[in-house]
Amino acid sequence: MSISSAVDQYTVLTGDRSKIKDLLCSRLTECGWRDEVRLMCRNILIEKGTNNSFTVEQLIAEVTPKARTLVPDAVKKELLMKIRTILTEIEEEADEPEDES
């Protein structure tokens, strides 16, 4: 099992995944990223979607790379620190001796 899949599995089991997702959503809203992406989608649809031949999948494929580059470094760093904290907790729990009562 890779480290990323182990972290993913652990965060799902402990409920930390939803906390990380909520943190990401709130930070992206606070910094205006969501508004920028919404405007980008609107502009693409105006430009290419006039004849209804532009699909949602095509919109996602076009917007995703651009949207990822717009995520502020501060948000990325904050999420990385949160994930590192989770990894540290996993490591500390693994190092603790089990109680044999």
PDB file of N, CA and C in Angstrom:
ATOM      1  N   MET A   1       0.852  -1.180   0.000  1.00  0.00           N
ATOM      2  CA  MET A   1       0.000   0.000   0.000  1.00  0.00           C
ATOM      3  C   MET A   1       0.896   1.240   0.000  1.00  0.00           C
ATOM      4  N   SER A   2       0.604   2.173  -0.875  1.00  0.00           N
ATOM      5  CA  SER A   2       1.411   3.390  -0.948  1.00  0.00           C
ATOM      6  C   SER A   2       1.081   4.312   0.224  1.00  0.00           C
ATOM      7  N   ILE A   3       1.968   5.256   0.457  1.00  0.00           N
ATOM      8  CA  ILE A   3       1.757   6.204   1.557  1.00  0.00           C
ATOM      9  C   ILE A   3       0.500   7.023   1.330  1.00  0.00           C
ATOM     10  N   SER A   4       0.302   7.477   0.085  1.00  0.00           N
ATOM     11  CA  SER A   4      -0.871   8.310  -0.186  1.00  0.00           C
ATOM     12  C   SER A   4      -2.166   7.533   0.016  1.00  0.00           C
ATOM     13  N   SER A   5      -2.189   6.265  -0.372  1.00  0.00           N
ATOM     14  CA  SER A   5      -3.412   5.490  -0.163  1.00  0.00           C
ATOM     15  C   SER A   5      -3.609   5.169   1.311  1.00  0.00           C
ATOM     16  N   ALA A   6      -2.515   4.985   2.056  1.00  0.00           N
ATOM     17  CA  ALA A   6      -2.629   4.753   3.499  1.00  0.00           C
ATOM     18  C   ALA A   6      -3.175   5.993   4.199  1.00  0.00           C
ATOM     19  N   VAL A   7      -2.661   7.150   3.822  1.00  0.00           N
ATOM     20  CA  VAL A   7      -3.157   8.404   4.406  1.00  0.00           C
ATOM     21  C   VAL A   7      -4.620   8.597   4.035  1.00  0.00           C
ATOM     22  N   ASP A   8      -4.944   8.346   2.770  1.00  0.00           N
ATOM     23  CA  ASP A   8      -6.323   8.480   2.313  1.00  0.00           C
ATOM     24  C   ASP A   8      -7.248   7.572   3.115  1.00  0.00           C
ATOM     25  N   GLN A   9      -6.851   6.325   3.280  1.00  0.00           N
ATOM     26  CA  GLN A   9      -7.667   5.373   4.026  1.00  0.00           C
ATOM     27  C   GLN A   9      -7.806   5.801   5.483  1.00  0.00           C
ATOM     28  N   TYR A  10      -6.717   6.239   6.092  1.00  0.00           N
ATOM     29  CA  TYR A  10      -6.749   6.661   7.490  1.00  0.00           C
ATOM     30  C   TYR A  10      -7.647   7.878   7.671  1.00  0.00           C
ATOM     31  N   THR A  11      -7.533   8.847   6.764  1.00  0.00           N
ATOM     32  CA  THR A  11      -8.341  10.061   6.904  1.00  0.00           C
ATOM     33  C   THR A  11      -9.824   9.767   6.733  1.00  0.00           C
ATOM     34  N   VAL A  12     -10.158   8.804   5.891  1.00  0.00           N
ATOM     35  CA  VAL A  12     -11.562   8.420   5.736  1.00  0.00           C
ATOM     36  C   VAL A  12     -12.064   7.768   7.017  1.00  0.00           C
ATOM     37  N   LEU A  13     -11.267   6.860   7.569  1.00  0.00           N
ATOM     38  CA  LEU A  13     -11.680   6.124   8.769  1.00  0.00           C
ATOM     39  C   LEU A  13     -11.828   7.024   9.994  1.00  0.00           C
ATOM     40  N   THR A  14     -10.968   8.013  10.126  1.00  0.00           N
ATOM     41  CA  THR A  14     -10.996   8.873  11.306  1.00  0.00           C
ATOM     42  C   THR A  14     -11.898  10.091  11.143  1.00  0.00           C
ATOM     43  N   GLY A  15     -12.366  10.321   9.950  1.00  0.00           N
ATOM     44  CA  GLY A  15     -13.205  11.492   9.710  1.00  0.00           C
ATOM     45  C   GLY A  15     -12.416  12.740   9.381  1.00  0.00           C
ATOM     46  N   ASP A  16     -11.083  12.618   9.340  1.00  0.00           N
ATOM     47  CA  ASP A  16     -10.248  13.774   9.015  1.00  0.00           C
ATOM     48  C   ASP A  16     -10.396  14.205   7.566  1.00  0.00           C
ATOM     49  N   ARG A  17     -10.757  13.282   6.697  1.00  0.00           N
ATOM     50  CA  ARG A  17     -10.910  13.624   5.278  1.00  0.00           C
ATOM     51  C   ARG A  17     -11.964  14.710   5.092  1.00  0.00           C
ATOM     52  N   SER A  18     -13.083  14.575   5.770  1.00  0.00           N
ATOM     53  CA  SER A  18     -14.125  15.601   5.626  1.00  0.00           C
ATOM     54  C   SER A  18     -13.666  16.927   6.222  1.00  0.00           C
ATOM     55  N   LYS A  19     -12.861  16.874   7.286  1.00  0.00           N
ATOM     56  CA  LYS A  19     -12.327  18.109   7.869  1.00  0.00           C
ATOM     57  C   LYS A  19     -11.375  18.797   6.891  1.00  0.00           C
ATOM     58  N   ILE A  20     -10.521  18.002   6.231  1.00  0.00           N
ATOM     59  CA  ILE A  20      -9.596  18.558   5.252  1.00  0.00           C
ATOM     60  C   ILE A  20     -10.368  19.140   4.076  1.00  0.00           C
ATOM     61  N   LYS A  21     -11.375  18.424   3.634  1.00  0.00           N
ATOM     62  CA  LYS A  21     -12.186  18.901   2.507  1.00  0.00           C
ATOM     63  C   LYS A  21     -12.915  20.193   2.875  1.00  0.00           C
ATOM     64  N   ASP A  22     -13.466  20.254   4.082  1.00  0.00           N
ATOM     65  CA  ASP A  22     -14.143  21.470   4.532  1.00  0.00           C
ATOM     66  C   ASP A  22     -13.169  22.643   4.622  1.00  0.00           C
ATOM     67  N   LEU A  23     -11.972  22.368   5.129  1.00  0.00           N
ATOM     68  CA  LEU A  23     -10.946  23.407   5.225  1.00  0.00           C
ATOM     69  C   LEU A  23     -10.589  23.927   3.837  1.00  0.00           C
ATOM     70  N   LEU A  24     -10.387  23.010   2.897  1.00  0.00           N
ATOM     71  CA  LEU A  24     -10.055  23.406   1.530  1.00  0.00           C
ATOM     72  C   LEU A  24     -11.164  24.254   0.921  1.00  0.00           C
ATOM     73  N   CYS A  25     -12.405  23.814   1.053  1.00  0.00           N
ATOM     74  CA  CYS A  25     -13.533  24.567   0.481  1.00  0.00           C
ATOM     75  C   CYS A  25     -13.625  25.966   1.075  1.00  0.00           C
ATOM     76  N   SER A  26     -13.468  26.072   2.384  1.00  0.00           N
ATOM     77  CA  SER A  26     -13.586  27.400   3.003  1.00  0.00           C
ATOM     78  C   SER A  26     -12.440  28.304   2.588  1.00  0.00           C
ATOM     79  N   ARG A  27     -11.213  27.768   2.512  1.00  0.00           N
ATOM     80  CA  ARG A  27     -10.066  28.583   2.095  1.00  0.00           C
ATOM     81  C   ARG A  27     -10.189  29.024   0.635  1.00  0.00           C
ATOM     82  N   LEU A  28     -10.668  28.137  -0.228  1.00  0.00           N
ATOM     83  CA  LEU A  28     -10.821  28.508  -1.633  1.00  0.00           C
ATOM     84  C   LEU A  28     -11.903  29.568  -1.819  1.00  0.00           C
ATOM     85  N   THR A  29     -12.929  29.500  -1.007  1.00  0.00           N
ATOM     86  CA  THR A  29     -13.971  30.529  -1.054  1.00  0.00           C
ATOM     87  C   THR A  29     -13.434  31.864  -0.545  1.00  0.00           C
ATOM     88  N   GLU A  30     -12.706  31.815   0.591  1.00  0.00           N
ATOM     89  CA  GLU A  30     -12.166  33.029   1.202  1.00  0.00           C
ATOM     90  C   GLU A  30     -11.213  33.780   0.278  1.00  0.00           C
ATOM     91  N   CYS A  31     -10.413  33.051  -0.488  1.00  0.00           N
ATOM     92  CA  CYS A  31      -9.411  33.709  -1.333  1.00  0.00           C
ATOM     93  C   CYS A  31      -9.962  34.106  -2.697  1.00  0.00           C
ATOM     94  N   GLY A  32     -11.217  33.766  -2.983  1.00  0.00           N
ATOM     95  CA  GLY A  32     -11.833  34.163  -4.237  1.00  0.00           C
ATOM     96  C   GLY A  32     -11.618  33.179  -5.378  1.00  0.00           C
ATOM     97  N   TRP A  33     -10.995  32.047  -5.097  1.00  0.00           N
ATOM     98  CA  TRP A  33     -10.726  31.046  -6.130  1.00  0.00           C
ATOM     99  C   TRP A  33     -12.010  30.539  -6.766  1.00  0.00           C
ATOM    100  N   ARG A  34     -13.000  30.250  -5.948  1.00  0.00           N
ATOM    101  CA  ARG A  34     -14.267  29.726  -6.480  1.00  0.00           C
ATOM    102  C   ARG A  34     -14.906  30.716  -7.456  1.00  0.00           C
ATOM    103  N   ASP A  35     -14.861  31.993  -7.114  1.00  0.00           N
ATOM    104  CA  ASP A  35     -15.423  33.011  -8.005  1.00  0.00           C
ATOM    105  C   ASP A  35     -14.655  33.087  -9.322  1.00  0.00           C
ATOM    106  N   GLU A  36     -13.319  32.973  -9.231  1.00  0.00           N
ATOM    107  CA  GLU A  36     -12.498  32.995 -10.442  1.00  0.00           C
ATOM    108  C   GLU A  36     -12.830  31.813 -11.346  1.00  0.00           C
ATOM    109  N   VAL A  37     -12.973  30.636 -10.752  1.00  0.00           N
ATOM    110  CA  VAL A  37     -13.264  29.439 -11.544  1.00  0.00           C
ATOM    111  C   VAL A  37     -14.672  29.531 -12.133  1.00  0.00           C
ATOM    112  N   ARG A  38     -15.603  30.036 -11.366  1.00  0.00           N
ATOM    113  CA  ARG A  38     -16.964  30.219 -11.870  1.00  0.00           C
ATOM    114  C   ARG A  38     -16.973  31.163 -13.064  1.00  0.00           C
ATOM    115  N   LEU A  39     -16.226  32.251 -12.973  1.00  0.00           N
ATOM    116  CA  LEU A  39     -16.130  33.207 -14.073  1.00  0.00           C
ATOM    117  C   LEU A  39     -15.443  32.577 -15.286  1.00  0.00           C
ATOM    118  N   MET A  40     -14.414  31.783 -15.035  1.00  0.00           N
ATOM    119  CA  MET A  40     -13.729  31.089 -16.119  1.00  0.00           C
ATOM    120  C   MET A  40     -14.689  30.145 -16.846  1.00  0.00           C
ATOM    121  N   CYS A  41     -15.485  29.401 -16.084  1.00  0.00           N
ATOM    122  CA  CYS A  41     -16.473  28.489 -16.689  1.00  0.00           C
ATOM    123  C   CYS A  41     -17.489  29.267 -17.514  1.00  0.00           C
ATOM    124  N   ARG A  42     -17.963  30.356 -16.958  1.00  0.00           N
ATOM    125  CA  ARG A  42     -18.950  31.174 -17.661  1.00  0.00           C
ATOM    126  C   ARG A  42     -18.386  31.688 -18.985  1.00  0.00           C
ATOM    127  N   ASN A  43     -17.151  32.172 -18.950  1.00  0.00           N
ATOM    128  CA  ASN A  43     -16.531  32.698 -20.171  1.00  0.00           C
ATOM    129  C   ASN A  43     -16.322  31.604 -21.220  1.00  0.00           C
ATOM    130  N   ILE A  44     -15.909  30.433 -20.782  1.00  0.00           N
ATOM    131  CA  ILE A  44     -15.723  29.316 -21.719  1.00  0.00           C
ATOM    132  C   ILE A  44     -17.057  28.922 -22.335  1.00  0.00           C
ATOM    133  N   LEU A  45     -18.095  28.857 -21.520  1.00  0.00           N
ATOM    134  CA  LEU A  45     -19.416  28.494 -22.043  1.00  0.00           C
ATOM    135  C   LEU A  45     -19.939  29.532 -23.023  1.00  0.00           C
ATOM    136  N   ILE A  46     -19.696  30.793 -22.746  1.00  0.00           N
ATOM    137  CA  ILE A  46     -20.118  31.845 -23.679  1.00  0.00           C
ATOM    138  C   ILE A  46     -19.359  31.710 -24.988  1.00  0.00           C
ATOM    139  N   GLU A  47     -18.064  31.427 -24.875  1.00  0.00           N
ATOM    140  CA  GLU A  47     -17.217  31.320 -26.059  1.00  0.00           C
ATOM    141  C   GLU A  47     -17.512  30.072 -26.886  1.00  0.00           C
ATOM    142  N   LYS A  48     -17.690  28.926 -26.224  1.00  0.00           N
ATOM    143  CA  LYS A  48     -17.788  27.663 -26.955  1.00  0.00           C
ATOM    144  C   LYS A  48     -19.145  26.984 -26.887  1.00  0.00           C
ATOM    145  N   GLY A  49     -19.982  27.432 -25.986  1.00  0.00           N
ATOM    146  CA  GLY A  49     -21.203  26.687 -25.755  1.00  0.00           C
ATOM    147  C   GLY A  49     -22.450  27.248 -26.388  1.00  0.00           C
ATOM    148  N   THR A  50     -22.305  28.060 -27.400  1.00  0.00           N
ATOM    149  CA  THR A  50     -23.483  28.690 -27.990  1.00  0.00           C
ATOM    150  C   THR A  50     -24.368  27.715 -28.749  1.00  0.00           C
ATOM    151  N   ASN A  51     -23.804  26.614 -29.243  1.00  0.00           N
ATOM    152  CA  ASN A  51     -24.632  25.672 -29.998  1.00  0.00           C
ATOM    153  C   ASN A  51     -24.928  24.384 -29.214  1.00  0.00           C
ATOM    154  N   ASN A  52     -24.718  24.413 -27.895  1.00  0.00           N
ATOM    155  CA  ASN A  52     -25.012  23.292 -26.988  1.00  0.00           C
ATOM    156  C   ASN A  52     -24.238  22.016 -27.315  1.00  0.00           C
ATOM    157  N   SER A  53     -23.145  22.124 -28.051  1.00  0.00           N
ATOM    158  CA  SER A  53     -22.349  20.939 -28.358  1.00  0.00           C
ATOM    159  C   SER A  53     -21.195  20.764 -27.384  1.00  0.00           C
ATOM    160  N   PHE A  54     -21.023  21.710 -26.473  1.00  0.00           N
ATOM    161  CA  PHE A  54     -19.946  21.666 -25.486  1.00  0.00           C
ATOM    162  C   PHE A  54     -20.465  20.948 -24.248  1.00  0.00           C
ATOM    163  N   THR A  55     -19.857  19.820 -23.899  1.00  0.00           N
ATOM    164  CA  THR A  55     -20.362  18.999 -22.793  1.00  0.00           C
ATOM    165  C   THR A  55     -19.728  19.392 -21.464  1.00  0.00           C
ATOM    166  N   VAL A  56     -20.319  18.918 -20.398  1.00  0.00           N
ATOM    167  CA  VAL A  56     -19.782  19.155 -19.054  1.00  0.00           C
ATOM    168  C   VAL A  56     -18.383  18.557 -18.946  1.00  0.00           C
ATOM    169  N   GLU A  57     -18.193  17.370 -19.500  1.00  0.00           N
ATOM    170  CA  GLU A  57     -16.888  16.719 -19.459  1.00  0.00           C
ATOM    171  C   GLU A  57     -15.828  17.561 -20.160  1.00  0.00           C
ATOM    172  N   GLN A  58     -16.190  18.162 -21.282  1.00  0.00           N
ATOM    173  CA  GLN A  58     -15.257  19.028 -22.003  1.00  0.00           C
ATOM    174  C   GLN A  58     -14.941  20.272 -21.178  1.00  0.00           C
ATOM    175  N   LEU A  59     -15.945  20.825 -20.529  1.00  0.00           N
ATOM    176  CA  LEU A  59     -15.736  21.999 -19.678  1.00  0.00           C
ATOM    177  C   LEU A  59     -14.785  21.658 -18.533  1.00  0.00           C
ATOM    178  N   ILE A  60     -15.020  20.539 -17.888  1.00  0.00           N
ATOM    179  CA  ILE A  60     -14.161  20.110 -16.774  1.00  0.00           C
ATOM    180  C   ILE A  60     -12.735  19.895 -17.263  1.00  0.00           C
ATOM    181  N   ALA A  61     -12.584  19.242 -18.405  1.00  0.00           N
ATOM    182  CA  ALA A  61     -11.249  18.980 -18.947  1.00  0.00           C
ATOM    183  C   ALA A  61     -10.500  20.275 -19.257  1.00  0.00           C
ATOM    184  N   GLU A  62     -11.213  21.279 -19.699  1.00  0.00           N
ATOM    185  CA  GLU A  62     -10.570  22.549 -20.036  1.00  0.00           C
ATOM    186  C   GLU A  62     -10.281  23.398 -18.800  1.00  0.00           C
ATOM    187  N   VAL A  63     -11.177  23.382 -17.831  1.00  0.00           N
ATOM    188  CA  VAL A  63     -11.045  24.248 -16.663  1.00  0.00           C
ATOM    189  C   VAL A  63     -10.079  23.682 -15.622  1.00  0.00           C
ATOM    190  N   THR A  64     -10.059  22.383 -15.436  1.00  0.00           N
ATOM    191  CA  THR A  64      -9.293  21.773 -14.342  1.00  0.00           C
ATOM    192  C   THR A  64      -7.820  22.184 -14.311  1.00  0.00           C
ATOM    193  N   PRO A  65      -7.074  22.072 -15.406  1.00  0.00           N
ATOM    194  CA  PRO A  65      -5.654  22.460 -15.321  1.00  0.00           C
ATOM    195  C   PRO A  65      -5.466  23.933 -14.959  1.00  0.00           C
ATOM    196  N   LYS A  66      -6.297  24.784 -15.518  1.00  0.00           N
ATOM    197  CA  LYS A  66      -6.192  26.211 -15.228  1.00  0.00           C
ATOM    198  C   LYS A  66      -6.572  26.494 -13.776  1.00  0.00           C
ATOM    199  N   ALA A  67      -7.623  25.842 -13.300  1.00  0.00           N
ATOM    200  CA  ALA A  67      -8.093  26.056 -11.931  1.00  0.00           C
ATOM    201  C   ALA A  67      -7.054  25.598 -10.911  1.00  0.00           C
ATOM    202  N   ARG A  68      -6.380  24.506 -11.197  1.00  0.00           N
ATOM    203  CA  ARG A  68      -5.353  24.005 -10.274  1.00  0.00           C
ATOM    204  C   ARG A  68      -4.211  24.997 -10.130  1.00  0.00           C
ATOM    205  N   THR A  69      -3.856  25.667 -11.207  1.00  0.00           N
ATOM    206  CA  THR A  69      -2.758  26.634 -11.133  1.00  0.00           C
ATOM    207  C   THR A  69      -3.159  27.886 -10.355  1.00  0.00           C
ATOM    208  N   LEU A  70      -4.457  28.123 -10.239  1.00  0.00           N
ATOM    209  CA  LEU A  70      -4.942  29.311  -9.525  1.00  0.00           C
ATOM    210  C   LEU A  70      -5.037  29.132  -8.012  1.00  0.00           C
ATOM    211  N   VAL A  71      -4.870  27.894  -7.522  1.00  0.00           N
ATOM    212  CA  VAL A  71      -4.940  27.655  -6.073  1.00  0.00           C
ATOM    213  C   VAL A  71      -3.733  28.352  -5.434  1.00  0.00           C
ATOM    214  N   PRO A  72      -3.981  29.259  -4.494  1.00  0.00           N
ATOM    215  CA  PRO A  72      -2.878  29.998  -3.876  1.00  0.00           C
ATOM    216  C   PRO A  72      -1.912  29.075  -3.115  1.00  0.00           C
ATOM    217  N   ASP A  73      -0.639  29.450  -3.142  1.00  0.00           N
ATOM    218  CA  ASP A  73       0.381  28.667  -2.441  1.00  0.00           C
ATOM    219  C   ASP A  73       0.083  28.571  -0.947  1.00  0.00           C
ATOM    220  N   ALA A  74      -0.472  29.622  -0.375  1.00  0.00           N
ATOM    221  CA  ALA A  74      -0.775  29.606   1.061  1.00  0.00           C
ATOM    222  C   ALA A  74      -1.791  28.507   1.392  1.00  0.00           C
ATOM    223  N   VAL A  75      -2.759  28.309   0.523  1.00  0.00           N
ATOM    224  CA  VAL A  75      -3.763  27.265   0.733  1.00  0.00           C
ATOM    225  C   VAL A  75      -3.106  25.892   0.608  1.00  0.00           C
ATOM    226  N   LYS A  76      -2.261  25.721  -0.395  1.00  0.00           N
ATOM    227  CA  LYS A  76      -1.556  24.454  -0.570  1.00  0.00           C
ATOM    228  C   LYS A  76      -0.696  24.134   0.646  1.00  0.00           C
ATOM    229  N   LYS A  77       0.024  25.141   1.151  1.00  0.00           N
ATOM    230  CA  LYS A  77       0.895  24.939   2.313  1.00  0.00           C
ATOM    231  C   LYS A  77       0.088  24.581   3.548  1.00  0.00           C
ATOM    232  N   GLU A  78      -1.044  25.249   3.734  1.00  0.00           N
ATOM    233  CA  GLU A  78      -1.884  24.967   4.897  1.00  0.00           C
ATOM    234  C   GLU A  78      -2.407  23.531   4.857  1.00  0.00           C
ATOM    235  N   LEU A  79      -2.847  23.088   3.690  1.00  0.00           N
ATOM    236  CA  LEU A  79      -3.333  21.715   3.563  1.00  0.00           C
ATOM    237  C   LEU A  79      -2.202  20.710   3.762  1.00  0.00           C
ATOM    238  N   LEU A  80      -1.040  21.017   3.240  1.00  0.00           N
ATOM    239  CA  LEU A  80       0.106  20.133   3.416  1.00  0.00           C
ATOM    240  C   LEU A  80       0.464  20.007   4.896  1.00  0.00           C
ATOM    241  N   MET A  81       0.432  21.110   5.622  1.00  0.00           N
ATOM    242  CA  MET A  81       0.715  21.066   7.060  1.00  0.00           C
ATOM    243  C   MET A  81      -0.331  20.234   7.799  1.00  0.00           C
ATOM    244  N   LYS A  82      -1.576  20.364   7.405  1.00  0.00           N
ATOM    245  CA  LYS A  82      -2.647  19.581   8.030  1.00  0.00           C
ATOM    246  C   LYS A  82      -2.423  18.090   7.783  1.00  0.00           C
ATOM    247  N   ILE A  83      -2.051  17.729   6.568  1.00  0.00           N
ATOM    248  CA  ILE A  83      -1.792  16.328   6.237  1.00  0.00           C
ATOM    249  C   ILE A  83      -0.566  15.819   6.996  1.00  0.00           C
ATOM    250  N   ARG A  84       0.457  16.651   7.113  1.00  0.00           N
ATOM    251  CA  ARG A  84       1.646  16.255   7.891  1.00  0.00           C
ATOM    252  C   ARG A  84       1.284  16.016   9.346  1.00  0.00           C
ATOM    253  N   THR A  85       0.406  16.834   9.885  1.00  0.00           N
ATOM    254  CA  THR A  85      -0.045  16.637  11.258  1.00  0.00           C
ATOM    255  C   THR A  85      -0.727  15.284  11.406  1.00  0.00           C
ATOM    256  N   ILE A  86      -1.553  14.945  10.437  1.00  0.00           N
ATOM    257  CA  ILE A  86      -2.238  13.648  10.454  1.00  0.00           C
ATOM    258  C   ILE A  86      -1.222  12.521  10.386  1.00  0.00           C
ATOM    259  N   LEU A  87      -0.212  12.653   9.522  1.00  0.00           N
ATOM    260  CA  LEU A  87       0.828  11.633   9.410  1.00  0.00           C
ATOM    261  C   LEU A  87       1.602  11.476  10.718  1.00  0.00           C
ATOM    262  N   THR A  88       1.872  12.591  11.358  1.00  0.00           N
ATOM    263  CA  THR A  88       2.566  12.555  12.648  1.00  0.00           C
ATOM    264  C   THR A  88       1.732  11.806  13.677  1.00  0.00           C
ATOM    265  N   GLU A  89       0.427  12.065  13.690  1.00  0.00           N
ATOM    266  CA  GLU A  89      -0.460  11.370  14.619  1.00  0.00           C
ATOM    267  C   GLU A  89      -0.476   9.870  14.352  1.00  0.00           C
ATOM    268  N   ILE A  90      -0.485   9.494  13.065  1.00  0.00           N
ATOM    269  CA  ILE A  90      -0.453   8.078  12.703  1.00  0.00           C
ATOM    270  C   ILE A  90       0.834   7.443  13.222  1.00  0.00           C
ATOM    271  N   GLU A  91       1.940   8.136  13.011  1.00  0.00           N
ATOM    272  CA  GLU A  91       3.239   7.620  13.433  1.00  0.00           C
ATOM    273  C   GLU A  91       3.305   7.481  14.951  1.00  0.00           C
ATOM    274  N   GLU A  92       2.796   8.485  15.671  1.00  0.00           N
ATOM    275  CA  GLU A  92       2.812   8.432  17.128  1.00  0.00           C
ATOM    276  C   GLU A  92       1.944   7.294  17.652  1.00  0.00           C
ATOM    277  N   GLU A  93       0.802   7.090  17.025  1.00  0.00           N
ATOM    278  CA  GLU A  93      -0.074   5.987  17.439  1.00  0.00           C
ATOM    279  C   GLU A  93       0.584   4.639  17.176  1.00  0.00           C
ATOM    280  N   ALA A  94       1.330   4.544  16.073  1.00  0.00           N
ATOM    281  CA  ALA A  94       2.004   3.281  15.742  1.00  0.00           C
ATOM    282  C   ALA A  94       3.152   2.995  16.703  1.00  0.00           C
ATOM    283  N   ASP A  95       3.785   4.060  17.222  1.00  0.00           N
ATOM    284  CA  ASP A  95       4.914   3.905  18.131  1.00  0.00           C
ATOM    285  C   ASP A  95       4.503   3.623  19.574  1.00  0.00           C
ATOM    286  N   GLU A  96       3.249   3.959  19.922  1.00  0.00           N
ATOM    287  CA  GLU A  96       2.782   3.739  21.289  1.00  0.00           C
ATOM    288  C   GLU A  96       2.632   2.253  21.568  1.00  0.00           C
ATOM    289  N   PRO A  97       3.103   1.815  22.737  1.00  0.00           N
ATOM    290  CA  PRO A  97       2.902   0.403  23.094  1.00  0.00           C
ATOM    291  C   PRO A  97       1.430   0.150  23.404  1.00  0.00           C
ATOM    292  N   GLU A  98       0.966  -1.005  22.985  1.00  0.00           N
ATOM    293  CA  GLU A  98      -0.430  -1.344  23.224  1.00  0.00           C
ATOM    294  C   GLU A  98      -0.617  -1.776  24.671  1.00  0.00           C
ATOM    295  N   ASP A  99      -1.727  -1.375  25.270  1.00  0.00           N
ATOM    296  CA  ASP A  99      -2.054  -1.803  26.623  1.00  0.00           C
ATOM    297  C   ASP A  99      -2.477  -3.259  26.600  1.00  0.00           C
ATOM    298  N   GLU A 100      -1.865  -4.038  27.479  1.00  0.00           N
ATOM    299  CA  GLU A 100      -2.237  -5.441  27.587  1.00  0.00           C
ATOM    300  C   GLU A 100      -2.942  -5.653  28.908  1.00  0.00           C
ATOM    301  N   SER A 101      -4.209  -5.286  28.971  1.00  0.00           N
ATOM    302  CA  SER A 101      -4.945  -5.398  30.215  1.00  0.00           C
ATOM    303  C   SER A 101      -5.609  -6.714  30.354  1.00  0.00           C
TER     304      SER A 101
END
